[in-house]
PDB file of N, CA and C in Angstrom:
ATOM      1  N   MET A   1       0.843  -1.171   0.000  1.00  0.00           N
ATOM      2  CA  MET A   1       0.000   0.000   0.000  1.00  0.00           C
ATOM      3  C   MET A   1       0.897   1.245   0.000  1.00  0.00           C
ATOM      4  N   ASP A   2       0.519   2.215  -0.759  1.00  0.00           N
ATOM      5  CA  ASP A   2       1.260   3.465  -0.878  1.00  0.00           C
ATOM      6  C   ASP A   2       1.258   4.226   0.446  1.00  0.00           C
ATOM      7  N   LYS A   3       2.415   4.745   0.842  1.00  0.00           N
ATOM      8  CA  LYS A   3       2.508   5.428   2.135  1.00  0.00           C
ATOM      9  C   LYS A   3       1.674   6.703   2.169  1.00  0.00           C
ATOM     10  N   HIS A   4       1.385   7.281   1.022  1.00  0.00           N
ATOM     11  CA  HIS A   4       0.530   8.472   1.005  1.00  0.00           C
ATOM     12  C   HIS A   4      -0.908   8.114   1.379  1.00  0.00           C
ATOM     13  N   ILE A   5      -1.359   6.957   0.939  1.00  0.00           N
ATOM     14  CA  ILE A   5      -2.699   6.486   1.299  1.00  0.00           C
ATOM     15  C   ILE A   5      -2.753   6.176   2.794  1.00  0.00           C
ATOM     16  N   VAL A   6      -1.706   5.536   3.310  1.00  0.00           N
ATOM     17  CA  VAL A   6      -1.653   5.246   4.750  1.00  0.00           C
ATOM     18  C   VAL A   6      -1.698   6.559   5.525  1.00  0.00           C
ATOM     19  N   GLY A   7      -0.971   7.558   5.068  1.00  0.00           N
ATOM     20  CA  GLY A   7      -0.978   8.864   5.720  1.00  0.00           C
ATOM     21  C   GLY A   7      -2.347   9.524   5.687  1.00  0.00           C
ATOM     22  N   GLU A   8      -3.025   9.440   4.549  1.00  0.00           N
ATOM     23  CA  GLU A   8      -4.388   9.987   4.452  1.00  0.00           C
ATOM     24  C   GLU A   8      -5.322   9.277   5.418  1.00  0.00           C
ATOM     25  N   ASN A   9      -5.216   7.953   5.482  1.00  0.00           N
ATOM     26  CA  ASN A   9      -6.053   7.186   6.404  1.00  0.00           C
ATOM     27  C   ASN A   9      -5.706   7.511   7.854  1.00  0.00           C
ATOM     28  N   ALA A  10      -4.433   7.779   8.132  1.00  0.00           N
ATOM     29  CA  ALA A  10      -4.035   8.170   9.487  1.00  0.00           C
ATOM     30  C   ALA A  10      -4.736   9.462   9.878  1.00  0.00           C
ATOM     31  N   GLY A  11      -4.865  10.383   8.951  1.00  0.00           N
ATOM     32  CA  GLY A  11      -5.601  11.618   9.225  1.00  0.00           C
ATOM     33  C   GLY A  11      -7.065  11.351   9.531  1.00  0.00           C
ATOM     34  N   LYS A  12      -7.670  10.442   8.783  1.00  0.00           N
ATOM     35  CA  LYS A  12      -9.067  10.076   9.030  1.00  0.00           C
ATOM     36  C   LYS A  12      -9.228   9.441  10.413  1.00  0.00           C
ATOM     37  N   VAL A  13      -8.304   8.542  10.749  1.00  0.00           N
ATOM     38  CA  VAL A  13      -8.340   7.882  12.067  1.00  0.00           C
ATOM     39  C   VAL A  13      -8.174   8.928  13.170  1.00  0.00           C
ATOM     40  N   TRP A  14      -7.215   9.814  12.995  1.00  0.00           N
ATOM     41  CA  TRP A  14      -6.934  10.852  13.990  1.00  0.00           C
ATOM     42  C   TRP A  14      -8.185  11.693  14.273  1.00  0.00           C
ATOM     43  N   HIS A  15      -8.859  12.150  13.204  1.00  0.00           N
ATOM     44  CA  HIS A  15     -10.050  12.975  13.370  1.00  0.00           C
ATOM     45  C   HIS A  15     -11.192  12.184  14.001  1.00  0.00           C
ATOM     46  N   ALA A  16     -11.348  10.933  13.617  1.00  0.00           N
ATOM     47  CA  ALA A  16     -12.409  10.108  14.196  1.00  0.00           C
ATOM     48  C   ALA A  16     -12.167   9.863  15.679  1.00  0.00           C
ATOM     49  N   LEU A  17     -10.907   9.686  16.075  1.00  0.00           N
ATOM     50  CA  LEU A  17     -10.605   9.438  17.489  1.00  0.00           C
ATOM     51  C   LEU A  17     -10.846  10.674  18.347  1.00  0.00           C
ATOM     52  N   ASN A  18     -10.875  11.839  17.746  1.00  0.00           N
ATOM     53  CA  ASN A  18     -11.207  13.049  18.500  1.00  0.00           C
ATOM     54  C   ASN A  18     -12.676  13.085  18.895  1.00  0.00           C
ATOM     55  N   GLU A  19     -13.499  12.244  18.269  1.00  0.00           N
ATOM     56  CA  GLU A  19     -14.936  12.208  18.525  1.00  0.00           C
ATOM     57  C   GLU A  19     -15.352  11.132  19.523  1.00  0.00           C
ATOM     58  N   VAL A  20     -14.463  10.182  19.823  1.00  0.00           N
ATOM     59  CA  VAL A  20     -14.814   9.066  20.701  1.00  0.00           C
ATOM     60  C   VAL A  20     -13.770   8.910  21.809  1.00  0.00           C
ATOM     61  N   ASP A  21     -14.161   8.236  22.873  1.00  0.00           N
ATOM     62  CA  ASP A  21     -13.240   7.974  23.978  1.00  0.00           C
ATOM     63  C   ASP A  21     -12.260   6.866  23.604  1.00  0.00           C
ATOM     64  N   LYS A  22     -12.799   5.763  23.096  1.00  0.00           N
ATOM     65  CA  LYS A  22     -12.002   4.637  22.632  1.00  0.00           C
ATOM     66  C   LYS A  22     -12.858   3.832  21.666  1.00  0.00           C
ATOM     67  N   ILE A  23     -12.183   3.064  20.783  1.00  0.00           N
ATOM     68  CA  ILE A  23     -12.909   2.332  19.751  1.00  0.00           C
ATOM     69  C   ILE A  23     -12.030   1.189  19.246  1.00  0.00           C
ATOM     70  N   SER A  24     -12.653   0.101  18.855  1.00  0.00           N
ATOM     71  CA  SER A  24     -11.901  -1.025  18.299  1.00  0.00           C
ATOM     72  C   SER A  24     -11.594  -0.755  16.821  1.00  0.00           C
ATOM     73  N   ILE A  25     -10.591  -1.440  16.323  1.00  0.00           N
ATOM     74  CA  ILE A  25     -10.227  -1.276  14.911  1.00  0.00           C
ATOM     75  C   ILE A  25     -11.376  -1.676  13.983  1.00  0.00           C
ATOM     76  N   PRO A  26     -12.048  -2.817  14.199  1.00  0.00           N
ATOM     77  CA  PRO A  26     -13.157  -3.150  13.284  1.00  0.00           C
ATOM     78  C   PRO A  26     -14.283  -2.110  13.311  1.00  0.00           C
ATOM     79  N   GLU A  27     -14.610  -1.607  14.489  1.00  0.00           N
ATOM     80  CA  GLU A  27     -15.662  -0.600  14.598  1.00  0.00           C
ATOM     81  C   GLU A  27     -15.252   0.703  13.897  1.00  0.00           C
ATOM     82  N   LEU A  28     -14.011   1.101  14.093  1.00  0.00           N
ATOM     83  CA  LEU A  28     -13.516   2.316  13.446  1.00  0.00           C
ATOM     84  C   LEU A  28     -13.457   2.143  11.926  1.00  0.00           C
ATOM     85  N   ALA A  29     -13.056   0.970  11.474  1.00  0.00           N
ATOM     86  CA  ALA A  29     -13.012   0.692  10.032  1.00  0.00           C
ATOM     87  C   ALA A  29     -14.404   0.845   9.418  1.00  0.00           C
ATOM     88  N   ARG A  30     -15.416   0.315  10.100  1.00  0.00           N
ATOM     89  CA  ARG A  30     -16.795   0.459   9.605  1.00  0.00           C
ATOM     90  C   ARG A  30     -17.207   1.931   9.575  1.00  0.00           C
ATOM     91  N   LYS A  31     -16.862   2.650  10.638  1.00  0.00           N
ATOM     92  CA  LYS A  31     -17.217   4.069  10.730  1.00  0.00           C
ATOM     93  C   LYS A  31     -16.574   4.875   9.600  1.00  0.00           C
ATOM     94  N   LEU A  32     -15.323   4.566   9.268  1.00  0.00           N
ATOM     95  CA  LEU A  32     -14.595   5.303   8.239  1.00  0.00           C
ATOM     96  C   LEU A  32     -14.798   4.747   6.835  1.00  0.00           C
ATOM     97  N   ASP A  33     -15.429   3.583   6.746  1.00  0.00           N
ATOM     98  CA  ASP A  33     -15.659   2.896   5.471  1.00  0.00           C
ATOM     99  C   ASP A  33     -14.338   2.601   4.748  1.00  0.00           C
ATOM    100  N   ILE A  34     -13.365   2.103   5.530  1.00  0.00           N
ATOM    101  CA  ILE A  34     -12.106   1.603   4.979  1.00  0.00           C
ATOM    102  C   ILE A  34     -11.864   0.224   5.591  1.00  0.00           C
ATOM    103  N   SER A  35     -10.972  -0.543   5.025  1.00  0.00           N
ATOM    104  CA  SER A  35     -10.742  -1.899   5.520  1.00  0.00           C
ATOM    105  C   SER A  35     -10.100  -1.873   6.910  1.00  0.00           C
ATOM    106  N   ALA A  36     -10.279  -2.980   7.625  1.00  0.00           N
ATOM    107  CA  ALA A  36      -9.643  -3.110   8.941  1.00  0.00           C
ATOM    108  C   ALA A  36      -8.126  -3.072   8.798  1.00  0.00           C
ATOM    109  N   GLU A  37      -7.607  -3.645   7.718  1.00  0.00           N
ATOM    110  CA  GLU A  37      -6.158  -3.617   7.470  1.00  0.00           C
ATOM    111  C   GLU A  37      -5.664  -2.183   7.293  1.00  0.00           C
ATOM    112  N   SER A  38      -6.363  -1.386   6.503  1.00  0.00           N
ATOM    113  CA  SER A  38      -5.983   0.012   6.300  1.00  0.00           C
ATOM    114  C   SER A  38      -6.080   0.806   7.597  1.00  0.00           C
ATOM    115  N   THR A  39      -7.094   0.499   8.388  1.00  0.00           N
ATOM    116  CA  THR A  39      -7.261   1.162   9.688  1.00  0.00           C
ATOM    117  C   THR A  39      -6.107   0.816  10.614  1.00  0.00           C
ATOM    118  N   ALA A  40      -5.713  -0.459  10.635  1.00  0.00           N
ATOM    119  CA  ALA A  40      -4.604  -0.896  11.483  1.00  0.00           C
ATOM    120  C   ALA A  40      -3.287  -0.253  11.047  1.00  0.00           C
ATOM    121  N   LEU A  41      -3.058  -0.171   9.746  1.00  0.00           N
ATOM    122  CA  LEU A  41      -1.844   0.485   9.249  1.00  0.00           C
ATOM    123  C   LEU A  41      -1.815   1.958   9.661  1.00  0.00           C
ATOM    124  N   ALA A  42      -2.944   2.619   9.529  1.00  0.00           N
ATOM    125  CA  ALA A  42      -3.033   4.032   9.917  1.00  0.00           C
ATOM    126  C   ALA A  42      -2.816   4.195  11.416  1.00  0.00           C
ATOM    127  N   ALA A  43      -3.376   3.288  12.207  1.00  0.00           N
ATOM    128  CA  ALA A  43      -3.190   3.339  13.659  1.00  0.00           C
ATOM    129  C   ALA A  43      -1.725   3.134  14.017  1.00  0.00           C
ATOM    130  N   GLY A  44      -1.053   2.235  13.318  1.00  0.00           N
ATOM    131  CA  GLY A  44       0.374   2.015  13.556  1.00  0.00           C
ATOM    132  C   GLY A  44       1.184   3.261  13.267  1.00  0.00           C
ATOM    133  N   TRP A  45       0.833   3.947  12.196  1.00  0.00           N
ATOM    134  CA  TRP A  45       1.500   5.202  11.827  1.00  0.00           C
ATOM    135  C   TRP A  45       1.362   6.207  12.973  1.00  0.00           C
ATOM    136  N   LEU A  46       0.118   6.360  13.472  1.00  0.00           N
ATOM    137  CA  LEU A  46      -0.135   7.328  14.545  1.00  0.00           C
ATOM    138  C   LEU A  46       0.519   6.906  15.864  1.00  0.00           C
ATOM    139  N   ALA A  47       0.534   5.619  16.129  1.00  0.00           N
ATOM    140  CA  ALA A  47       1.175   5.132  17.353  1.00  0.00           C
ATOM    141  C   ALA A  47       2.676   5.387  17.309  1.00  0.00           C
ATOM    142  N   ARG A  48       3.265   5.202  16.141  1.00  0.00           N
ATOM    143  CA  ARG A  48       4.706   5.449  15.980  1.00  0.00           C
ATOM    144  C   ARG A  48       5.041   6.906  16.265  1.00  0.00           C
ATOM    145  N   GLU A  49       4.096   7.798  15.966  1.00  0.00           N
ATOM    146  CA  GLU A  49       4.281   9.217  16.231  1.00  0.00           C
ATOM    147  C   GLU A  49       3.811   9.614  17.638  1.00  0.00           C
ATOM    148  N   ASN A  50       3.461   8.619  18.459  1.00  0.00           N
ATOM    149  CA  ASN A  50       2.977   8.847  19.829  1.00  0.00           C
ATOM    150  C   ASN A  50       1.735   9.742  19.875  1.00  0.00           C
ATOM    151  N   LYS A  51       0.858   9.584  18.885  1.00  0.00           N
ATOM    152  CA  LYS A  51      -0.350  10.400  18.830  1.00  0.00           C
ATOM    153  C   LYS A  51      -1.580   9.665  19.346  1.00  0.00           C
ATOM    154  N   ILE A  52      -1.504   8.338  19.375  1.00  0.00           N
ATOM    155  CA  ILE A  52      -2.631   7.562  19.896  1.00  0.00           C
ATOM    156  C   ILE A  52      -2.095   6.469  20.810  1.00  0.00           C
ATOM    157  N   CYS A  53      -3.008   5.894  21.552  1.00  0.00           N
ATOM    158  CA  CYS A  53      -2.680   4.770  22.421  1.00  0.00           C
ATOM    159  C   CYS A  53      -3.389   3.530  21.888  1.00  0.00           C
ATOM    160  N   ILE A  54      -2.747   2.398  22.028  1.00  0.00           N
ATOM    161  CA  ILE A  54      -3.281   1.131  21.546  1.00  0.00           C
ATOM    162  C   ILE A  54      -3.268   0.125  22.689  1.00  0.00           C
ATOM    163  N   ARG A  55      -4.365  -0.633  22.811  1.00  0.00           N
ATOM    164  CA  ARG A  55      -4.435  -1.675  23.834  1.00  0.00           C
ATOM    165  C   ARG A  55      -5.184  -2.878  23.273  1.00  0.00           C
ATOM    166  N   TYR A  56      -4.715  -4.058  23.617  1.00  0.00           N
ATOM    167  CA  TYR A  56      -5.391  -5.298  23.249  1.00  0.00           C
ATOM    168  C   TYR A  56      -6.334  -5.636  24.391  1.00  0.00           C
ATOM    169  N   LYS A  57      -7.652  -5.656  24.115  1.00  0.00           N
ATOM    170  CA  LYS A  57      -8.639  -5.898  25.173  1.00  0.00           C
ATOM    171  C   LYS A  57      -9.752  -6.787  24.640  1.00  0.00           C
ATOM    172  N   ASP A  58     -10.016  -7.858  25.364  1.00  0.00           N
ATOM    173  CA  ASP A  58     -11.110  -8.776  25.015  1.00  0.00           C
ATOM    174  C   ASP A  58     -11.030  -9.260  23.568  1.00  0.00           C
ATOM    175  N   GLY A  59      -9.828  -9.545  23.107  1.00  0.00           N
ATOM    176  CA  GLY A  59      -9.637 -10.092  21.775  1.00  0.00           C
ATOM    177  C   GLY A  59      -9.630  -9.072  20.654  1.00  0.00           C
ATOM    178  N   LEU A  60      -9.735  -7.784  20.985  1.00  0.00           N
ATOM    179  CA  LEU A  60      -9.742  -6.742  19.977  1.00  0.00           C
ATOM    180  C   LEU A  60      -8.653  -5.713  20.273  1.00  0.00           C
ATOM    181  N   VAL A  61      -8.162  -5.084  19.231  1.00  0.00           N
ATOM    182  CA  VAL A  61      -7.232  -3.972  19.394  1.00  0.00           C
ATOM    183  C   VAL A  61      -8.073  -2.709  19.549  1.00  0.00           C
ATOM    184  N   GLU A  62      -7.861  -2.015  20.657  1.00  0.00           N
ATOM    185  CA  GLU A  62      -8.636  -0.831  20.995  1.00  0.00           C
ATOM    186  C   GLU A  62      -7.745   0.406  20.876  1.00  0.00           C
ATOM    187  N   LEU A  63      -8.271   1.453  20.264  1.00  0.00           N
ATOM    188  CA  LEU A  63      -7.522   2.682  20.051  1.00  0.00           C
ATOM    189  C   LEU A  63      -8.097   3.803  20.895  1.00  0.00           C
ATOM    190  N   SER A  64      -7.227   4.713  21.303  1.00  0.00           N
ATOM    191  CA  SER A  64      -7.648   5.883  22.060  1.00  0.00           C
ATOM    192  C   SER A  64      -6.761   7.058  21.681  1.00  0.00           C
ATOM    193  N   ASN A  65      -7.337   8.230  21.671  1.00  0.00           N
ATOM    194  CA  ASN A  65      -6.597   9.451  21.394  1.00  0.00           C
ATOM    195  C   ASN A  65      -6.058   9.988  22.711  1.00  0.00           C
ATOM    196  N   GLY A  66      -4.756  10.162  22.834  1.00  0.00           N
ATOM    197  CA  GLY A  66      -4.180  10.729  24.050  1.00  0.00           C
ATOM    198  C   GLY A  66      -3.577   9.694  24.966  1.00  0.00           C
ATOM    199  N   ASP A  67      -3.458  10.046  26.229  1.00  0.00           N
ATOM    200  CA  ASP A  67      -2.758   9.221  27.213  1.00  0.00           C
ATOM    201  C   ASP A  67      -3.703   8.436  28.119  1.00  0.00           C
ATOM    202  N   ARG A  68      -4.813   7.989  27.590  1.00  0.00           N
ATOM    203  CA  ARG A  68      -5.761   7.262  28.432  1.00  0.00           C
ATOM    204  C   ARG A  68      -5.256   5.901  28.871  1.00  0.00           C
ATOM    205  N   PHE A  69      -4.473   5.259  28.031  1.00  0.00           N
ATOM    206  CA  PHE A  69      -3.819   4.007  28.404  1.00  0.00           C
ATOM    207  C   PHE A  69      -2.605   3.820  27.529  1.00  0.00           C
ATOM    208  N   SER A  70      -1.748   2.964  27.942  1.00  0.00           N
ATOM    209  CA  SER A  70      -0.489   2.785  27.233  1.00  0.00           C
ATOM    210  C   SER A  70      -0.585   1.688  26.186  1.00  0.00           C
ATOM    211  N   PHE A  71       0.413   1.632  25.327  1.00  0.00           N
ATOM    212  CA  PHE A  71       0.538   0.592  24.311  1.00  0.00           C
ATOM    213  C   PHE A  71       0.839  -0.728  25.006  1.00  0.00           C
ATOM    214  N   SER A  72      -0.034  -1.720  24.843  1.00  0.00           N
ATOM    215  CA  SER A  72       0.249  -3.012  25.477  1.00  0.00           C
ATOM    216  C   SER A  72      -0.470  -4.132  24.752  1.00  0.00           C
ATOM    217  N   PHE A  73       0.201  -5.254  24.692  1.00  0.00           N
ATOM    218  CA  PHE A  73      -0.360  -6.492  24.159  1.00  0.00           C
ATOM    219  C   PHE A  73      -0.020  -7.581  25.142  1.00  0.00           C
ATOM    220  N   GLY A  74      -1.035  -8.342  25.556  1.00  0.00           N
ATOM    221  CA  GLY A  74      -0.742  -9.459  26.446  1.00  0.00           C
ATOM    222  C   GLY A  74      -1.389  -9.371  27.768  1.00  0.00           C
TER     223      GLY A  74
END
């Protein structure tokens, strides 16, 4: 996937996370009408820039804008 598309999707994810407290990747993908894979790539981009927080909870990857929880798997 082209990095420009990932960057555009990261912007969409960023703006959507400003509207919610936390959300799973599949739910966010449906909301944005992009694939779960594209959503995950965009979330990774934002996490690398320390702009969002990611947590694995109840079998799903959950995203949050800000410092509500730390990056953790396991």
